[in-house]
């Protein structure tokens, strides 16, 4: 259970770091270009692969749930002080499917990070070790900083959580409890070992974000580019 809680903590910390990193990178581009539009396009180009995965996650999940989809865009759009790097038009639907579609980039992103880290370290690809490391860091950097859902993506999630909590409260009130098999599963040696490996893998995108944020701060202090 401790490893599962640590996993959730790491994801929350990665969410915080992704916000700090994207803000630091956007400020970095703005300072070196001295032009807002140029900085926006450099920023969007840097994170374009991650944005493509993010929007395709919405699109594919909506299609699988039989929710109509419309136009998909990967070009940045500026609205006041906000910049939207990509978007996909999804028809209105029930709160459950809307919540699943909104959370799809996060779920798929975590799976991509974990599976890529696992397979790159376990399987022998016919490429050099240097290229393998660079490719893996690129995947982790892109996905780790674009997989989190926006406030627009999470519309309907609050309603769904309220419904779930109400149902759980009613079940608890009438005397139903969590089956013993569930806590037994989380306390089993196999599950502990699995979450232990996952916790170690999630440290990679966390460490990479900290490294990039620290590098930008050093540049700011040294004023070598600013």
Protein backbone atom coordinates (compact mmCIF):
# COMPACT_ATOMS: atom_id res chain seq x y z
CA UNK A 1 0.00 0.00 0.00
CA UNK A 2 2.93 2.32 0.75
CA UNK A 3 4.29 1.89 -2.79
CA UNK A 4 0.86 2.68 -4.28
CA UNK A 5 0.58 5.87 -2.20
CA UNK A 6 4.14 6.82 -3.21
CA UNK A 7 3.18 6.33 -6.85
CA UNK A 8 0.28 8.78 -6.46
CA UNK A 9 2.57 11.26 -4.69
CA UNK A 10 5.12 11.02 -7.51
CA UNK A 11 2.44 11.69 -10.12
CA UNK A 12 1.23 14.74 -8.17
CA UNK A 13 4.81 16.00 -7.92
CA UNK A 14 5.36 15.39 -11.65
CA UNK A 15 2.19 17.41 -12.36
CA UNK A 16 3.58 20.30 -10.32
CA UNK A 17 6.99 20.05 -12.03
CA UNK A 18 5.42 19.98 -15.50
CA UNK A 19 3.67 23.27 -14.76
CA UNK A 20 6.90 24.84 -13.46
CA UNK A 21 8.89 23.52 -16.42
CA UNK A 22 6.50 24.71 -19.13
CA UNK A 23 6.37 28.15 -17.52
CA UNK A 24 10.18 28.27 -17.27
CA UNK A 25 10.65 27.16 -20.88
CA UNK A 26 8.12 29.70 -22.20
CA UNK A 27 9.85 32.49 -20.26
CA UNK A 28 13.21 31.26 -21.57
CA UNK A 29 12.06 31.48 -25.20
CA UNK A 30 10.47 34.88 -24.61
CA UNK A 31 13.67 36.30 -23.10
CA UNK A 32 15.97 35.05 -25.85
CA UNK A 33 13.66 35.99 -28.76
CA UNK A 34 12.15 39.19 -27.32
CA UNK A 35 9.05 38.35 -29.34
CA UNK A 36 5.91 36.78 -27.92
CA UNK A 37 4.72 35.11 -31.15
CA UNK A 38 8.14 33.66 -31.90
CA UNK A 39 8.40 32.35 -28.34
CA UNK A 40 4.96 30.72 -28.61
CA UNK A 41 5.84 28.94 -31.87
CA UNK A 42 9.19 27.74 -30.50
CA UNK A 43 7.42 26.46 -27.39
CA UNK A 44 4.71 24.72 -29.39
CA UNK A 45 7.30 23.15 -31.72
CA UNK A 46 9.28 21.82 -28.75
CA UNK A 47 6.24 20.08 -27.26
CA UNK A 48 4.52 19.20 -30.57
CA UNK A 49 5.09 15.40 -30.34
CA UNK A 50 3.58 15.33 -26.84
CA UNK A 51 0.66 17.51 -27.92
CA UNK A 52 -0.05 15.14 -30.84
CA UNK A 53 -0.17 12.17 -28.45
CA UNK A 54 -2.36 14.17 -26.03
CA UNK A 55 -4.96 15.12 -28.62
CA UNK A 56 -4.95 11.71 -30.32
CA UNK A 57 -5.62 10.16 -26.90
CA UNK A 58 -8.80 12.25 -26.66
CA UNK A 59 -9.75 11.39 -30.24
CA UNK A 60 -9.19 7.64 -30.03
CA UNK A 61 -10.86 7.29 -26.63
CA UNK A 62 -13.89 9.26 -27.77
CA UNK A 63 -14.14 7.07 -30.88
CA UNK A 64 -13.92 3.89 -28.81
CA UNK A 65 -16.71 5.20 -26.58
CA UNK A 66 -18.86 6.06 -29.64
CA UNK A 67 -18.74 9.79 -28.96
CA UNK A 68 -18.67 11.90 -32.17
CA UNK A 69 -15.48 13.88 -32.77
CA UNK A 70 -14.74 16.78 -35.06
CA UNK A 71 -11.72 18.73 -36.18
CA UNK A 72 -8.35 18.15 -34.53
CA UNK A 73 -5.67 20.85 -34.39
CA UNK A 74 -2.01 20.84 -33.37
CA UNK A 75 -1.20 24.50 -34.01
CA UNK A 76 -1.08 26.97 -31.09
CA UNK A 77 -3.93 29.40 -30.55
CA UNK A 78 -3.51 32.51 -28.42
CA UNK A 79 -6.44 33.84 -26.42
CA UNK A 80 -5.38 36.74 -24.20
CA UNK A 81 -2.71 35.44 -21.85
CA UNK A 82 -3.62 31.80 -22.52
CA UNK A 83 -2.06 29.60 -25.22
CA UNK A 84 -3.79 26.44 -26.41
CA UNK A 85 -1.24 24.13 -28.03
CA UNK A 86 -3.81 21.77 -29.54
CA UNK A 87 -7.45 20.80 -29.48
CA UNK A 88 -9.97 18.24 -30.69
CA UNK A 89 -13.69 18.80 -30.98
CA UNK A 90 -15.66 16.22 -28.97
CA UNK A 91 -19.46 16.11 -28.83
CA UNK A 92 -21.29 16.50 -25.53
CA UNK A 93 -21.95 13.23 -23.75
CA UNK A 94 -22.71 11.77 -20.32
CA UNK A 95 -20.41 12.60 -17.36
CA UNK A 96 -18.84 9.13 -17.25
CA UNK A 97 -17.66 9.07 -20.86
CA UNK A 98 -16.72 12.74 -20.69
CA UNK A 99 -14.52 12.08 -17.65
CA UNK A 100 -12.85 9.07 -19.32
CA UNK A 101 -12.17 11.05 -22.51
CA UNK A 102 -10.76 13.96 -20.47
CA UNK A 103 -8.45 11.71 -18.46
CA UNK A 104 -7.31 9.66 -21.49
CA UNK A 105 -4.05 11.59 -22.16
CA UNK A 106 -2.97 11.11 -18.54
CA UNK A 107 -3.75 7.38 -18.49
CA UNK A 108 -2.16 6.73 -21.88
CA UNK A 109 0.78 9.00 -21.04
CA UNK A 110 1.61 7.09 -17.87
CA UNK A 111 1.39 3.80 -19.76
CA UNK A 112 3.69 5.10 -22.52
CA UNK A 113 6.28 6.34 -20.02
CA UNK A 114 6.29 3.13 -17.98
CA UNK A 115 6.27 0.77 -20.95
CA UNK A 116 8.96 2.70 -22.84
CA UNK A 117 11.24 2.86 -19.80
CA UNK A 118 10.71 -0.84 -19.15
CA UNK A 119 11.23 -2.06 -22.71
CA UNK A 120 14.17 0.22 -23.46
CA UNK A 121 16.01 -1.19 -20.47
CA UNK A 122 14.96 -4.83 -20.96
CA UNK A 123 15.00 -5.33 -24.73
CA UNK A 124 18.02 -5.18 -27.02
CA UNK A 125 17.30 -2.77 -29.87
CA UNK A 126 19.64 -2.63 -32.91
CA UNK A 127 20.73 0.92 -32.09
CA UNK A 128 23.58 2.39 -30.10
CA UNK A 129 23.23 2.94 -26.37
CA UNK A 130 23.60 6.72 -26.80
CA UNK A 131 20.76 6.94 -29.31
CA UNK A 132 18.64 4.69 -27.11
CA UNK A 133 19.13 6.97 -24.09
CA UNK A 134 18.45 10.13 -26.11
CA UNK A 135 15.29 8.62 -27.61
CA UNK A 136 14.03 7.47 -24.22
CA UNK A 137 14.69 10.85 -22.57
CA UNK A 138 12.89 12.56 -25.44
CA UNK A 139 9.82 10.33 -25.03
CA UNK A 140 9.76 10.83 -21.25
CA UNK A 141 10.23 14.60 -21.55
CA UNK A 142 7.51 15.05 -24.19
CA UNK A 143 4.87 12.78 -22.68
CA UNK A 144 5.61 13.64 -19.06
CA UNK A 145 5.01 17.35 -19.68
CA UNK A 146 1.96 17.13 -21.95
CA UNK A 147 -0.06 14.22 -20.54
CA UNK A 148 -1.83 16.12 -17.77
CA UNK A 149 -5.39 17.17 -18.50
CA UNK A 150 -6.45 20.80 -18.63
CA UNK A 151 -9.40 22.27 -16.77
CA UNK A 152 -11.42 21.95 -20.00
CA UNK A 153 -10.51 18.26 -20.25
CA UNK A 154 -11.69 17.63 -16.70
CA UNK A 155 -15.20 18.99 -17.22
CA UNK A 156 -17.61 16.43 -15.86
CA UNK A 157 -15.00 14.76 -13.66
CA UNK A 158 -16.19 16.58 -10.53
CA UNK A 159 -19.78 15.47 -11.11
CA UNK A 160 -18.62 11.89 -11.63
CA UNK A 161 -16.57 11.93 -8.42
CA UNK A 162 -19.55 13.28 -6.47
CA UNK A 163 -21.75 10.46 -7.81
CA UNK A 164 -19.10 7.84 -6.94
CA UNK A 165 -18.71 9.23 -3.41
CA UNK A 166 -22.48 9.25 -2.91
CA UNK A 167 -22.74 5.63 -4.06
CA UNK A 168 -19.84 4.61 -1.78
CA UNK A 169 -21.48 6.43 1.11
CA UNK A 170 -24.77 4.64 0.52
CA UNK A 171 -23.05 1.25 0.31
CA UNK A 172 -21.16 1.97 3.54
CA UNK A 173 -24.37 3.11 5.24
CA UNK A 174 -26.18 -0.13 4.41
CA UNK A 175 -23.28 -2.20 5.72
CA UNK A 176 -21.33 -3.16 2.60
CA UNK A 177 -17.55 -3.07 2.98
CA UNK A 178 -14.56 -3.40 0.67
CA UNK A 179 -13.88 -7.08 -0.11
CA UNK A 180 -10.85 -8.41 1.74
CA UNK A 181 -9.38 -9.49 -1.60
CA UNK A 182 -8.63 -5.87 -2.54
CA UNK A 183 -6.41 -4.95 0.47
CA UNK A 184 -4.88 -8.44 0.24
CA UNK A 185 -3.95 -7.75 -3.38
CA UNK A 186 -2.19 -4.46 -2.54
CA UNK A 187 -0.31 -6.06 0.34
CA UNK A 188 0.87 -9.09 -1.67
CA UNK A 189 4.63 -9.41 -2.42
CA UNK A 190 4.02 -9.42 -6.20
CA UNK A 191 2.05 -6.17 -6.07
CA UNK A 192 4.63 -4.52 -3.81
CA UNK A 193 7.40 -5.51 -6.22
CA UNK A 194 5.43 -4.16 -9.20
CA UNK A 195 4.71 -0.79 -7.60
CA UNK A 196 8.31 -0.62 -6.36
CA UNK A 197 9.53 -0.87 -9.98
CA UNK A 198 6.93 1.64 -11.14
CA UNK A 199 7.98 4.10 -8.43
CA UNK A 200 11.59 3.86 -9.60
CA UNK A 201 10.62 4.39 -13.25
CA UNK A 202 8.54 7.50 -12.46
CA UNK A 203 11.65 9.03 -10.89
CA UNK A 204 13.11 9.35 -14.41
CA UNK A 205 10.70 12.04 -15.71
CA UNK A 206 10.82 13.75 -12.31
CA UNK A 207 14.61 13.88 -12.40
CA UNK A 208 14.63 15.07 -16.02
CA UNK A 209 12.23 17.92 -15.27
CA UNK A 210 14.28 18.96 -12.23
CA UNK A 211 17.42 18.95 -14.39
CA UNK A 212 15.88 21.17 -17.09
CA UNK A 213 14.36 23.57 -14.55
CA UNK A 214 17.69 23.80 -12.72
CA UNK A 215 19.57 24.42 -15.99
CA UNK A 216 17.23 27.29 -16.94
CA UNK A 217 17.61 28.83 -13.48
CA UNK A 218 21.40 28.65 -13.78
CA UNK A 219 21.24 30.43 -17.12
CA UNK A 220 19.06 33.11 -15.57
CA UNK A 221 21.48 33.66 -12.69
CA UNK A 222 24.59 33.66 -14.89
CA UNK A 223 22.83 35.91 -17.45
CA UNK A 224 24.78 34.12 -20.16
CA UNK A 225 21.73 34.16 -22.45
CA UNK A 226 19.32 36.48 -20.65
